[in-house]
Amino acid sequence: MQYILQDDICGNSNDNETHIVRDWLNDFGIDELEEYSTMWQELIMFAGELICNITDEKTKELIADAIAIPMYLNFNISEDYVPQAKHNYAEIKELLEECQ
């Protein structure tokens, strides 16, 4: 068994300050990643359900191609990723809703 030792960053036992895990995780940007991950999962579920209900293989391919570019390729690496992803995913969801 191995342990990871970490400095105590929660202050001392004499203060009445409350520390919660969420605050600690936010120091690492976890809240933004969590929001992005949730958005990603919702989009995948929505797209997957729509594509699975389409019987024509050519239409499935066209829709998959139409969403692949904004999902994976339409990003500027010199800008923050999450705002771009939110914008791209909103466009994809709008496109998919039109396909229903």
Protein backbone atom coordinates (compact mmCIF):
# COMPACT_ATOMS: atom_id res chain seq x y z
CA MET A 1 0.00 0.00 0.00
CA GLN A 2 1.26 3.50 -0.83
CA TYR A 3 0.22 6.87 0.52
CA ILE A 4 0.46 10.35 -0.89
CA LEU A 5 1.48 12.91 1.70
CA GLN A 6 0.29 16.44 1.15
CA ASP A 7 0.81 19.63 3.11
CA ASP A 8 -2.15 20.61 5.27
CA ILE A 9 -3.77 23.51 3.40
CA CYS A 10 -6.86 23.70 5.58
CA GLY A 11 -5.44 26.08 8.18
CA ASN A 12 -5.04 25.23 11.81
CA SER A 13 -7.42 23.74 14.32
CA ASN A 14 -7.91 27.09 16.07
CA ASP A 15 -9.79 28.79 13.25
CA ASN A 16 -13.51 28.43 12.65
CA GLU A 17 -13.21 28.50 8.88
CA THR A 18 -15.18 25.83 7.03
CA HIS A 19 -13.51 24.09 4.11
CA ILE A 20 -15.43 22.03 1.59
CA VAL A 21 -14.18 19.73 -1.13
CA ARG A 22 -15.88 21.77 -3.88
CA ASP A 23 -13.73 24.82 -3.01
CA TRP A 24 -10.58 22.75 -3.16
CA LEU A 25 -11.56 21.23 -6.52
CA ASN A 26 -12.40 24.66 -7.93
CA ASP A 27 -8.80 25.68 -7.32
CA PHE A 28 -7.94 23.20 -10.09
CA GLY A 29 -10.69 24.35 -12.49
CA ILE A 30 -12.74 21.20 -11.89
CA ASP A 31 -16.03 23.11 -11.93
CA GLU A 32 -15.46 24.25 -15.52
CA LEU A 33 -14.36 20.77 -16.60
CA GLU A 34 -17.38 19.24 -14.88
CA GLU A 35 -19.70 21.63 -16.72
CA TYR A 36 -17.98 20.78 -20.01
CA SER A 37 -18.15 17.03 -19.32
CA THR A 38 -21.86 17.23 -18.54
CA MET A 39 -22.49 19.21 -21.71
CA TRP A 40 -20.45 16.69 -23.74
CA GLN A 41 -22.39 13.72 -22.34
CA GLU A 42 -25.75 15.37 -23.02
CA LEU A 43 -24.73 16.09 -26.60
CA ILE A 44 -23.47 12.54 -27.17
CA MET A 45 -26.66 11.05 -25.75
CA PHE A 46 -28.84 13.37 -27.84
CA ALA A 47 -26.87 12.75 -31.05
CA GLY A 48 -26.65 9.01 -30.43
CA GLU A 49 -30.37 8.64 -29.91
CA LEU A 50 -31.17 10.67 -33.01
CA ILE A 51 -28.71 8.79 -35.22
CA CYS A 52 -29.84 5.39 -33.94
CA ASN A 53 -33.42 6.20 -34.93
CA ILE A 54 -32.47 6.97 -38.53
CA THR A 55 -32.84 3.98 -40.82
CA ASP A 56 -31.13 5.32 -43.95
CA GLU A 57 -27.38 4.66 -43.71
CA LYS A 58 -26.44 7.54 -46.03
CA THR A 59 -28.39 10.00 -43.85
CA LYS A 60 -26.67 8.63 -40.75
CA GLU A 61 -23.29 9.21 -42.35
CA LEU A 62 -24.19 12.75 -43.42
CA ILE A 63 -25.36 13.69 -39.93
CA ALA A 64 -22.32 12.11 -38.31
CA ASP A 65 -20.04 14.03 -40.68
CA ALA A 66 -21.94 17.28 -40.06
CA ILE A 67 -21.43 17.04 -36.30
CA ALA A 68 -17.87 15.68 -36.32
CA ILE A 69 -16.25 18.91 -37.49
CA PRO A 70 -17.68 21.23 -34.82
CA MET A 71 -17.27 18.53 -32.17
CA TYR A 72 -13.62 17.78 -32.81
CA LEU A 73 -12.02 20.17 -35.29
CA ASN A 74 -13.58 23.64 -35.10
CA PHE A 75 -11.34 25.05 -32.34
CA ASN A 76 -8.79 27.84 -32.17
CA ILE A 77 -5.91 26.61 -30.02
CA SER A 78 -4.98 30.16 -28.99
CA GLU A 79 -8.37 30.67 -27.28
CA ASP A 80 -9.98 29.07 -24.24
CA TYR A 81 -11.40 25.67 -25.09
CA VAL A 82 -14.58 25.51 -23.00
CA PRO A 83 -16.28 28.67 -24.39
CA GLN A 84 -15.58 27.43 -27.92
CA ALA A 85 -16.93 23.99 -27.07
CA LYS A 86 -20.12 25.53 -25.63
CA HIS A 87 -20.62 27.54 -28.81
CA ASN A 88 -19.95 24.55 -31.09
CA TYR A 89 -22.19 22.24 -29.09
CA ALA A 90 -25.05 24.76 -29.15
CA GLU A 91 -24.75 24.83 -32.95
CA ILE A 92 -24.66 21.04 -33.14
CA LYS A 93 -27.70 20.70 -30.91
CA GLU A 94 -29.59 23.22 -33.04
CA LEU A 95 -28.67 21.26 -36.17
CA LEU A 96 -29.75 17.96 -34.61
CA GLU A 97 -33.04 19.41 -33.42
CA GLU A 98 -33.75 20.48 -37.02
CA CYS A 99 -33.08 16.89 -38.12
CA GLN A 100 -35.68 15.41 -35.81
